[in-house]
Amino acid sequence: MVSSTSVLLMFVIGLIISTLIIYVVTKLFGETESITTAFLAALIGTVIYTLVYYLIGQGLIAAIIAGIVWLLALQYLYKIGWVKSLLIAIIIGVAASIVGWFLPTIMGPL
């Protein structure tokens, strides 16, 4: 059984890592917003995906709906268009996947 402390710790670590990935990727695309904006994007993304998965359930349709809503959030936070937000989201997804491959082995069991 996983304790609530472990869940909270994993959430905070995930949020920090997501914030850093979003910050770096948006900087690579020339965005000038601060790390606070990246934190908001990570937090909003987490809330969006959690709500959509709770309301619709897991699956491709839920992922597509949540992804579109998150693209809207990126557009609003960074004042960018659809294409740029989609490219940024794809790079963020790839970077997060790569980090996810290594993170469990770095942290070890909680």
N, C-alpha and C. Protein backbone atom coordinates (compact mmCIF):
# COMPACT_ATOMS: atom_id res chain seq x y z
N MET A 1 0.84 -1.18 0.00
CA MET A 1 0.00 0.00 0.00
C MET A 1 0.89 1.24 0.00
N VAL A 2 0.49 2.23 -0.80
CA VAL A 2 1.24 3.47 -0.91
C VAL A 2 0.66 4.48 0.07
N SER A 3 1.53 5.10 0.85
CA SER A 3 1.06 6.07 1.83
C SER A 3 0.73 7.39 1.16
N SER A 4 -0.09 8.19 1.83
CA SER A 4 -0.46 9.50 1.28
C SER A 4 0.76 10.42 1.20
N THR A 5 1.72 10.22 2.09
CA THR A 5 2.95 11.01 2.04
C THR A 5 3.73 10.69 0.76
N SER A 6 3.79 9.43 0.40
CA SER A 6 4.48 9.03 -0.83
C SER A 6 3.79 9.60 -2.06
N VAL A 7 2.46 9.55 -2.05
CA VAL A 7 1.70 10.09 -3.19
C VAL A 7 1.94 11.59 -3.31
N LEU A 8 1.90 12.31 -2.20
CA LEU A 8 2.14 13.75 -2.21
C LEU A 8 3.56 14.06 -2.69
N LEU A 9 4.53 13.31 -2.21
CA LEU A 9 5.91 13.50 -2.62
C LEU A 9 6.08 13.26 -4.11
N MET A 10 5.47 12.20 -4.64
CA MET A 10 5.56 11.91 -6.07
C MET A 10 4.88 13.01 -6.89
N PHE A 11 3.76 13.54 -6.39
CA PHE A 11 3.08 14.63 -7.07
C PHE A 11 3.96 15.87 -7.14
N VAL A 12 4.56 16.25 -6.01
CA VAL A 12 5.41 17.45 -5.96
C VAL A 12 6.63 17.28 -6.86
N ILE A 13 7.26 16.13 -6.80
CA ILE A 13 8.44 15.88 -7.65
C ILE A 13 8.03 15.92 -9.13
N GLY A 14 6.90 15.29 -9.45
CA GLY A 14 6.42 15.32 -10.83
C GLY A 14 6.10 16.73 -11.31
N LEU A 15 5.51 17.53 -10.44
CA LEU A 15 5.19 18.91 -10.78
C LEU A 15 6.45 19.74 -11.00
N ILE A 16 7.46 19.54 -10.17
CA ILE A 16 8.73 20.25 -10.34
C ILE A 16 9.40 19.87 -11.65
N ILE A 17 9.44 18.58 -11.93
CA ILE A 17 10.08 18.10 -13.16
C ILE A 17 9.30 18.60 -14.38
N SER A 18 7.98 18.54 -14.33
CA SER A 18 7.16 19.04 -15.45
C SER A 18 7.38 20.53 -15.66
N THR A 19 7.45 21.27 -14.58
CA THR A 19 7.70 22.72 -14.67
C THR A 19 9.03 22.99 -15.37
N LEU A 20 10.07 22.28 -14.96
CA LEU A 20 11.38 22.49 -15.57
C LEU A 20 11.38 22.12 -17.06
N ILE A 21 10.73 21.02 -17.41
CA ILE A 21 10.67 20.61 -18.82
C ILE A 21 9.92 21.66 -19.64
N ILE A 22 8.77 22.11 -19.15
CA ILE A 22 7.99 23.12 -19.87
C ILE A 22 8.80 24.40 -20.00
N TYR A 23 9.48 24.81 -18.95
CA TYR A 23 10.28 26.03 -18.98
C TYR A 23 11.38 25.95 -20.05
N VAL A 24 12.11 24.85 -20.05
CA VAL A 24 13.21 24.69 -21.01
C VAL A 24 12.68 24.64 -22.44
N VAL A 25 11.64 23.86 -22.67
CA VAL A 25 11.10 23.72 -24.03
C VAL A 25 10.56 25.05 -24.54
N THR A 26 9.83 25.78 -23.71
CA THR A 26 9.30 27.06 -24.17
C THR A 26 10.41 28.07 -24.42
N LYS A 27 11.49 28.00 -23.66
CA LYS A 27 12.65 28.87 -23.92
C LYS A 27 13.28 28.52 -25.26
N LEU A 28 13.34 27.22 -25.59
CA LEU A 28 13.88 26.81 -26.89
C LEU A 28 13.04 27.36 -28.05
N PHE A 29 11.76 27.60 -27.80
CA PHE A 29 10.86 28.16 -28.82
C PHE A 29 10.81 29.69 -28.74
N GLY A 30 11.67 30.29 -27.92
CA GLY A 30 11.77 31.75 -27.88
C GLY A 30 10.78 32.47 -26.98
N GLU A 31 10.09 31.73 -26.14
CA GLU A 31 9.14 32.38 -25.23
C GLU A 31 9.90 33.04 -24.08
N THR A 32 9.37 34.17 -23.61
CA THR A 32 10.09 34.95 -22.60
C THR A 32 9.44 34.89 -21.21
N GLU A 33 8.35 34.14 -21.08
CA GLU A 33 7.66 34.07 -19.79
C GLU A 33 8.55 33.41 -18.73
N SER A 34 8.23 33.68 -17.48
CA SER A 34 9.05 33.18 -16.37
C SER A 34 8.73 31.72 -16.05
N ILE A 35 9.47 31.21 -15.10
CA ILE A 35 9.25 29.83 -14.65
C ILE A 35 7.89 29.72 -13.94
N THR A 36 7.36 30.84 -13.46
CA THR A 36 6.03 30.83 -12.86
C THR A 36 4.98 30.43 -13.88
N THR A 37 5.12 30.90 -15.10
CA THR A 37 4.19 30.52 -16.17
C THR A 37 4.31 29.03 -16.47
N ALA A 38 5.53 28.53 -16.47
CA ALA A 38 5.74 27.09 -16.70
C ALA A 38 5.11 26.28 -15.57
N PHE A 39 5.23 26.77 -14.34
CA PHE A 39 4.60 26.09 -13.20
C PHE A 39 3.08 26.07 -13.35
N LEU A 40 2.51 27.21 -13.76
CA LEU A 40 1.07 27.26 -13.98
C LEU A 40 0.64 26.30 -15.09
N ALA A 41 1.43 26.23 -16.16
CA ALA A 41 1.12 25.31 -17.26
C ALA A 41 1.16 23.86 -16.77
N ALA A 42 2.14 23.53 -15.95
CA ALA A 42 2.24 22.17 -15.41
C ALA A 42 1.08 21.86 -14.48
N LEU A 43 0.75 22.80 -13.62
CA LEU A 43 -0.34 22.61 -12.67
C LEU A 43 -1.69 22.52 -13.39
N ILE A 44 -1.92 23.42 -14.33
CA ILE A 44 -3.17 23.40 -15.10
C ILE A 44 -3.28 22.11 -15.90
N GLY A 45 -2.16 21.67 -16.50
CA GLY A 45 -2.17 20.42 -17.25
C GLY A 45 -2.54 19.24 -16.38
N THR A 46 -2.00 19.20 -15.18
CA THR A 46 -2.31 18.12 -14.24
C THR A 46 -3.79 18.14 -13.87
N VAL A 47 -4.32 19.31 -13.58
CA VAL A 47 -5.73 19.44 -13.22
C VAL A 47 -6.63 19.03 -14.39
N ILE A 48 -6.29 19.49 -15.59
CA ILE A 48 -7.08 19.16 -16.78
C ILE A 48 -7.13 17.66 -16.99
N TYR A 49 -5.96 17.02 -17.02
CA TYR A 49 -5.93 15.57 -17.26
C TYR A 49 -6.64 14.81 -16.15
N THR A 50 -6.47 15.22 -14.91
CA THR A 50 -7.13 14.55 -13.80
C THR A 50 -8.65 14.65 -13.92
N LEU A 51 -9.14 15.85 -14.20
CA LEU A 51 -10.59 16.04 -14.34
C LEU A 51 -11.18 15.26 -15.51
N VAL A 52 -10.51 15.32 -16.66
CA VAL A 52 -11.03 14.63 -17.83
C VAL A 52 -11.02 13.12 -17.59
N TYR A 53 -9.93 12.59 -17.03
CA TYR A 53 -9.89 11.15 -16.77
C TYR A 53 -10.91 10.74 -15.72
N TYR A 54 -11.18 11.62 -14.77
CA TYR A 54 -12.20 11.33 -13.75
C TYR A 54 -13.60 11.31 -14.38
N LEU A 55 -13.87 12.29 -15.25
CA LEU A 55 -15.20 12.42 -15.84
C LEU A 55 -15.46 11.43 -16.97
N ILE A 56 -14.45 11.16 -17.79
CA ILE A 56 -14.64 10.33 -18.97
C ILE A 56 -14.05 8.93 -18.80
N GLY A 57 -13.01 8.84 -18.00
CA GLY A 57 -12.31 7.57 -17.86
C GLY A 57 -11.05 7.60 -18.71
N GLN A 58 -10.23 6.60 -18.55
CA GLN A 58 -8.98 6.55 -19.31
C GLN A 58 -9.26 6.06 -20.72
N GLY A 59 -8.41 6.45 -21.62
CA GLY A 59 -8.57 6.02 -23.00
C GLY A 59 -8.15 7.10 -23.97
N LEU A 60 -8.21 6.77 -25.22
CA LEU A 60 -7.76 7.66 -26.28
C LEU A 60 -8.62 8.92 -26.37
N ILE A 61 -9.92 8.77 -26.26
CA ILE A 61 -10.81 9.94 -26.36
C ILE A 61 -10.54 10.92 -25.22
N ALA A 62 -10.38 10.40 -24.01
CA ALA A 62 -10.08 11.26 -22.86
C ALA A 62 -8.74 11.97 -23.06
N ALA A 63 -7.75 11.25 -23.57
CA ALA A 63 -6.43 11.85 -23.80
C ALA A 63 -6.51 12.95 -24.85
N ILE A 64 -7.29 12.73 -25.91
CA ILE A 64 -7.42 13.74 -26.96
C ILE A 64 -8.13 14.98 -26.43
N ILE A 65 -9.21 14.78 -25.70
CA ILE A 65 -9.95 15.92 -25.13
C ILE A 65 -9.06 16.71 -24.17
N ALA A 66 -8.39 16.00 -23.26
CA ALA A 66 -7.50 16.67 -22.30
C ALA A 66 -6.36 17.38 -23.03
N GLY A 67 -5.82 16.75 -24.06
CA GLY A 67 -4.74 17.36 -24.82
C GLY A 67 -5.17 18.65 -25.49
N ILE A 68 -6.35 18.67 -26.07
CA ILE A 68 -6.86 19.88 -26.72
C ILE A 68 -7.07 21.00 -25.70
N VAL A 69 -7.65 20.64 -24.56
CA VAL A 69 -7.86 21.65 -23.51
C VAL A 69 -6.52 22.18 -23.02
N TRP A 70 -5.52 21.30 -22.89
CA TRP A 70 -4.20 21.76 -22.43
C TRP A 70 -3.55 22.66 -23.49
N LEU A 71 -3.76 22.36 -24.76
CA LEU A 71 -3.25 23.25 -25.83
C LEU A 71 -3.88 24.63 -25.70
N LEU A 72 -5.16 24.69 -25.39
CA LEU A 72 -5.81 25.98 -25.17
C LEU A 72 -5.17 26.72 -23.99
N ALA A 73 -4.86 25.97 -22.94
CA ALA A 73 -4.21 26.59 -21.77
C ALA A 73 -2.83 27.12 -22.15
N LEU A 74 -2.06 26.35 -22.91
CA LEU A 74 -0.74 26.82 -23.37
C LEU A 74 -0.88 28.08 -24.21
N GLN A 75 -1.86 28.08 -25.10
CA GLN A 75 -2.09 29.26 -25.95
C GLN A 75 -2.39 30.49 -25.11
N TYR A 76 -3.21 30.33 -24.10
CA TYR A 76 -3.57 31.44 -23.25
C TYR A 76 -2.38 31.92 -22.41
N LEU A 77 -1.66 30.98 -21.79
CA LEU A 77 -0.55 31.36 -20.91
C LEU A 77 0.62 31.98 -21.66
N TYR A 78 0.90 31.47 -22.85
CA TYR A 78 2.07 31.93 -23.60
C TYR A 78 1.73 32.85 -24.77
N LYS A 79 0.45 33.12 -24.98
CA LYS A 79 0.01 34.00 -26.07
C LYS A 79 0.55 33.52 -27.41
N ILE A 80 0.31 32.24 -27.73
CA ILE A 80 0.81 31.62 -28.95
C ILE A 80 -0.35 30.99 -29.72
N GLY A 81 -0.09 30.59 -30.96
CA GLY A 81 -1.12 29.98 -31.79
C GLY A 81 -1.16 28.47 -31.64
N TRP A 82 -2.08 27.87 -32.42
CA TRP A 82 -2.29 26.41 -32.37
C TRP A 82 -1.05 25.63 -32.74
N VAL A 83 -0.42 26.01 -33.84
CA VAL A 83 0.71 25.23 -34.35
C VAL A 83 1.86 25.27 -33.35
N LYS A 84 2.18 26.44 -32.86
CA LYS A 84 3.29 26.56 -31.90
C LYS A 84 2.97 25.82 -30.60
N SER A 85 1.73 25.93 -30.13
CA SER A 85 1.38 25.21 -28.90
C SER A 85 1.43 23.70 -29.12
N LEU A 86 1.05 23.24 -30.30
CA LEU A 86 1.12 21.81 -30.60
C LEU A 86 2.57 21.33 -30.66
N LEU A 87 3.43 22.10 -31.32
CA LEU A 87 4.85 21.73 -31.38
C LEU A 87 5.48 21.71 -29.99
N ILE A 88 5.17 22.72 -29.20
CA ILE A 88 5.70 22.76 -27.83
C ILE A 88 5.20 21.56 -27.03
N ALA A 89 3.92 21.24 -27.15
CA ALA A 89 3.35 20.11 -26.41
C ALA A 89 3.98 18.79 -26.84
N ILE A 90 4.25 18.63 -28.13
CA ILE A 90 4.89 17.40 -28.61
C ILE A 90 6.30 17.26 -28.02
N ILE A 91 7.06 18.34 -28.06
CA ILE A 91 8.43 18.30 -27.51
C ILE A 91 8.39 18.07 -26.00
N ILE A 92 7.44 18.69 -25.31
CA ILE A 92 7.29 18.46 -23.88
C ILE A 92 6.97 16.99 -23.61
N GLY A 93 6.08 16.42 -24.40
CA GLY A 93 5.73 15.01 -24.24
C GLY A 93 6.91 14.08 -24.45
N VAL A 94 7.71 14.36 -25.48
CA VAL A 94 8.89 13.54 -25.75
C VAL A 94 9.90 13.68 -24.60
N ALA A 95 10.14 14.91 -24.18
CA ALA A 95 11.09 15.14 -23.09
C ALA A 95 10.62 14.48 -21.79
N ALA A 96 9.32 14.59 -21.50
CA ALA A 96 8.78 13.98 -20.28
C ALA A 96 8.88 12.45 -20.35
N SER A 97 8.69 11.89 -21.52
CA SER A 97 8.83 10.43 -21.68
C SER A 97 10.26 9.98 -21.44
N ILE A 98 11.19 10.74 -21.98
CA ILE A 98 12.61 10.40 -21.79
C ILE A 98 12.98 10.49 -20.31
N VAL A 99 12.56 11.56 -19.66
CA VAL A 99 12.84 11.70 -18.22
C VAL A 99 12.16 10.58 -17.44
N GLY A 100 10.95 10.21 -17.84
CA GLY A 100 10.22 9.14 -17.17
C GLY A 100 10.91 7.79 -17.26
N TRP A 101 11.66 7.57 -18.32
CA TRP A 101 12.41 6.30 -18.44
C TRP A 101 13.50 6.21 -17.39
N PHE A 102 14.11 7.35 -17.07
CA PHE A 102 15.25 7.35 -16.16
C PHE A 102 14.88 7.65 -14.71
N LEU A 103 13.84 8.41 -14.51
CA LEU A 103 13.48 8.84 -13.16
C LEU A 103 13.24 7.71 -12.18
N PRO A 104 12.48 6.67 -12.52
CA PRO A 104 12.25 5.61 -11.53
C PRO A 104 13.55 4.93 -11.07
N THR A 105 14.51 4.80 -11.97
CA THR A 105 15.77 4.17 -11.57
C THR A 105 16.65 5.11 -10.78
N ILE A 106 16.49 6.41 -10.98
CA ILE A 106 17.29 7.38 -10.23
C ILE A 106 16.78 7.48 -8.80
N MET A 107 15.44 7.57 -8.65
CA MET A 107 14.85 7.78 -7.34
C MET A 107 14.84 6.53 -6.48
N GLY A 108 14.68 5.39 -7.11
CA GLY A 108 14.55 4.16 -6.33
C GLY A 108 13.18 4.08 -5.72
N PRO A 109 12.91 3.05 -4.96
CA PRO A 109 11.59 2.92 -4.36
C PRO A 109 11.36 3.96 -3.28
N LEU A 110 10.13 4.48 -3.25
CA LEU A 110 9.79 5.47 -2.22
C LEU A 110 9.22 4.80 -1.01
